[in-house]
Amino acid sequence: MNSRGAAPLDGLAGRGAYAALLVDGRVIKEAASPDQEVAVEGRPFDIDVRAVSGGANVSNTSALFVNGANLSPDGRGFNVVELRPGRIADVKNFDTYADAAASEPSIAGRNDPD
C-alpha cells in the first residue's frame, strides 16, 4: 500500500488493524493500530463510506459500509470495495498471509474509464 501513499505499516506486524480510503488509487485517509479497532469515513463520489478494521490482534473483523450496507468480504488480509461515480465497481479480498504480493492490492478494473 506504500506505493499508493499509505504510511509505513511496520508496527502492525501483520496482525494489527488498518483502514484506508483511497480515491483514484491514492490514500486520502487512513488509520492504523497494533491493538485497537480503527475506522475512516468519507464521501467519495457522493457515496457514504465507512471502513472499520479490527485486525487479528483486536477483534479480527472487517466492515466496509457503503451507504449503510456492509459489503466487506470479511476475509484475512485486505478487504476492498472499489467505487466509481454512482456505482460499486468491485468487492474483493486480498489474503496477505497466503500471498505476500497481496500487500499491494490490484483491482482488475481500477484503471478502466468510468
Protein backbone atom coordinates (compact mmCIF):
# COMPACT_ATOMS: atom_id res chain seq x y z
CA MET A 1 0.00 0.00 0.00
CA ASN A 2 3.00 2.31 0.35
CA SER A 3 3.04 2.87 -3.42
CA ARG A 4 -0.48 4.28 -3.06
CA GLY A 5 0.54 6.88 -0.45
CA ALA A 6 -0.04 4.84 2.71
CA ALA A 7 2.08 5.40 5.78
CA PRO A 8 4.61 2.64 6.64
CA LEU A 9 2.80 -0.16 8.49
CA ASP A 10 5.83 -1.90 10.01
CA GLY A 11 4.47 -1.54 13.58
CA LEU A 12 1.39 -3.64 12.80
CA ALA A 13 3.43 -6.83 12.40
CA GLY A 14 0.80 -8.18 10.01
CA ARG A 15 -1.90 -8.64 12.65
CA GLY A 16 -2.94 -5.12 13.58
CA ALA A 17 -5.86 -3.02 12.39
CA TYR A 18 -5.67 -0.88 9.24
CA ALA A 19 -8.37 1.04 7.39
CA ALA A 20 -7.95 3.37 4.43
CA LEU A 21 -9.99 5.38 1.97
CA LEU A 22 -8.45 5.67 -1.49
CA VAL A 23 -9.67 7.89 -4.31
CA ASP A 24 -8.28 7.43 -7.80
CA GLY A 25 -5.80 4.87 -6.43
CA ARG A 26 -4.32 7.20 -3.77
CA VAL A 27 -4.78 7.08 0.01
CA ILE A 28 -6.67 10.14 1.22
CA LYS A 29 -7.47 8.92 4.78
CA GLU A 30 -6.06 6.08 6.83
CA ALA A 31 -5.86 4.79 10.39
CA ALA A 32 -3.74 2.02 11.93
CA SER A 33 -3.23 0.46 15.34
CA PRO A 34 -1.50 -2.68 16.62
CA ASP A 35 -4.08 -3.14 19.41
CA GLN A 36 -7.27 -1.10 18.78
CA GLU A 37 -10.07 -1.10 16.24
CA VAL A 38 -9.77 1.75 13.72
CA ALA A 39 -12.16 3.46 11.28
CA VAL A 40 -12.11 6.02 8.46
CA GLU A 41 -15.04 7.78 6.81
CA GLY A 42 -15.60 9.83 3.69
CA ARG A 43 -17.93 10.70 0.80
CA PRO A 44 -16.12 9.91 -2.45
CA PHE A 45 -18.41 10.37 -5.47
CA ASP A 46 -21.21 11.46 -3.05
CA ILE A 47 -21.32 7.93 -1.61
CA ASP A 48 -21.20 7.49 2.18
CA VAL A 49 -18.26 5.21 3.07
CA ARG A 50 -17.05 3.91 6.46
CA ALA A 51 -14.21 1.37 6.72
CA VAL A 52 -13.63 -0.42 10.04
CA SER A 53 -10.81 -2.85 10.87
CA GLY A 54 -10.23 -4.91 13.98
CA GLY A 55 -7.18 -6.88 12.85
CA ALA A 56 -6.30 -10.32 14.20
CA ASN A 57 -4.83 -8.78 17.37
CA VAL A 58 -8.05 -6.87 18.15
CA SER A 59 -11.48 -8.13 17.04
CA ASN A 60 -10.49 -9.96 13.83
CA THR A 61 -13.22 -8.23 11.82
CA SER A 62 -13.65 -6.00 8.81
CA ALA A 63 -16.61 -3.81 7.90
CA LEU A 64 -16.89 -1.76 4.71
CA PHE A 65 -20.09 0.26 4.78
CA VAL A 66 -21.30 1.80 1.53
CA ASN A 67 -24.44 3.92 2.00
CA GLY A 68 -25.10 1.96 5.22
CA ALA A 69 -24.74 -1.57 3.78
CA ASN A 70 -21.79 -3.69 4.93
CA LEU A 71 -20.16 -5.06 1.76
CA SER A 72 -16.95 -6.40 3.30
CA PRO A 73 -15.94 -9.94 2.31
CA ASP A 74 -14.51 -10.02 5.91
CA GLY A 75 -11.55 -12.20 4.97
CA ARG A 76 -7.99 -12.29 6.27
CA GLY A 77 -5.79 -9.51 4.81
CA PHE A 78 -7.09 -6.55 2.82
CA ASN A 79 -10.83 -6.28 2.17
CA VAL A 80 -11.69 -3.83 -0.61
CA VAL A 81 -14.79 -2.20 -2.08
CA GLU A 82 -13.96 -0.28 -5.25
CA LEU A 83 -16.32 2.59 -6.05
CA ARG A 84 -16.82 4.52 -9.28
CA PRO A 85 -19.08 7.53 -9.71
CA GLY A 86 -22.59 6.27 -8.99
CA ARG A 87 -21.74 2.57 -8.66
CA ILE A 88 -19.88 -0.23 -6.90
CA ALA A 89 -17.22 -1.49 -9.32
CA ASP A 90 -15.78 -4.43 -7.38
CA VAL A 91 -15.60 -6.19 -3.99
CA LYS A 92 -12.51 -8.28 -3.21
CA ASN A 93 -10.33 -9.80 -0.51
CA PHE A 94 -6.54 -10.00 -0.76
CA ASP A 95 -5.12 -12.62 1.63
CA THR A 96 -1.81 -11.05 2.66
CA TYR A 97 -0.85 -14.07 4.77
CA ALA A 98 -1.17 -16.64 2.00
CA ASP A 99 0.28 -14.34 -0.69
CA ALA A 100 2.88 -11.69 0.18
CA ALA A 101 2.22 -9.98 -3.17
CA ALA A 102 -1.32 -9.21 -1.92
CA SER A 103 0.11 -6.41 0.24
CA GLU A 104 -0.08 -4.26 -2.92
CA PRO A 105 -3.72 -4.94 -3.92
CA SER A 106 -4.62 -4.57 -7.57
CA ILE A 107 -8.26 -4.19 -8.55
CA ALA A 108 -8.70 -5.58 -12.05
CA GLY A 109 -10.82 -2.72 -13.36
CA ARG A 110 -9.38 0.21 -11.42
CA ASN A 111 -7.83 1.84 -14.48
CA ASP A 112 -10.93 1.39 -16.61
CA PRO A 113 -12.72 4.58 -17.66
CA ASP A 114 -15.90 5.48 -15.80
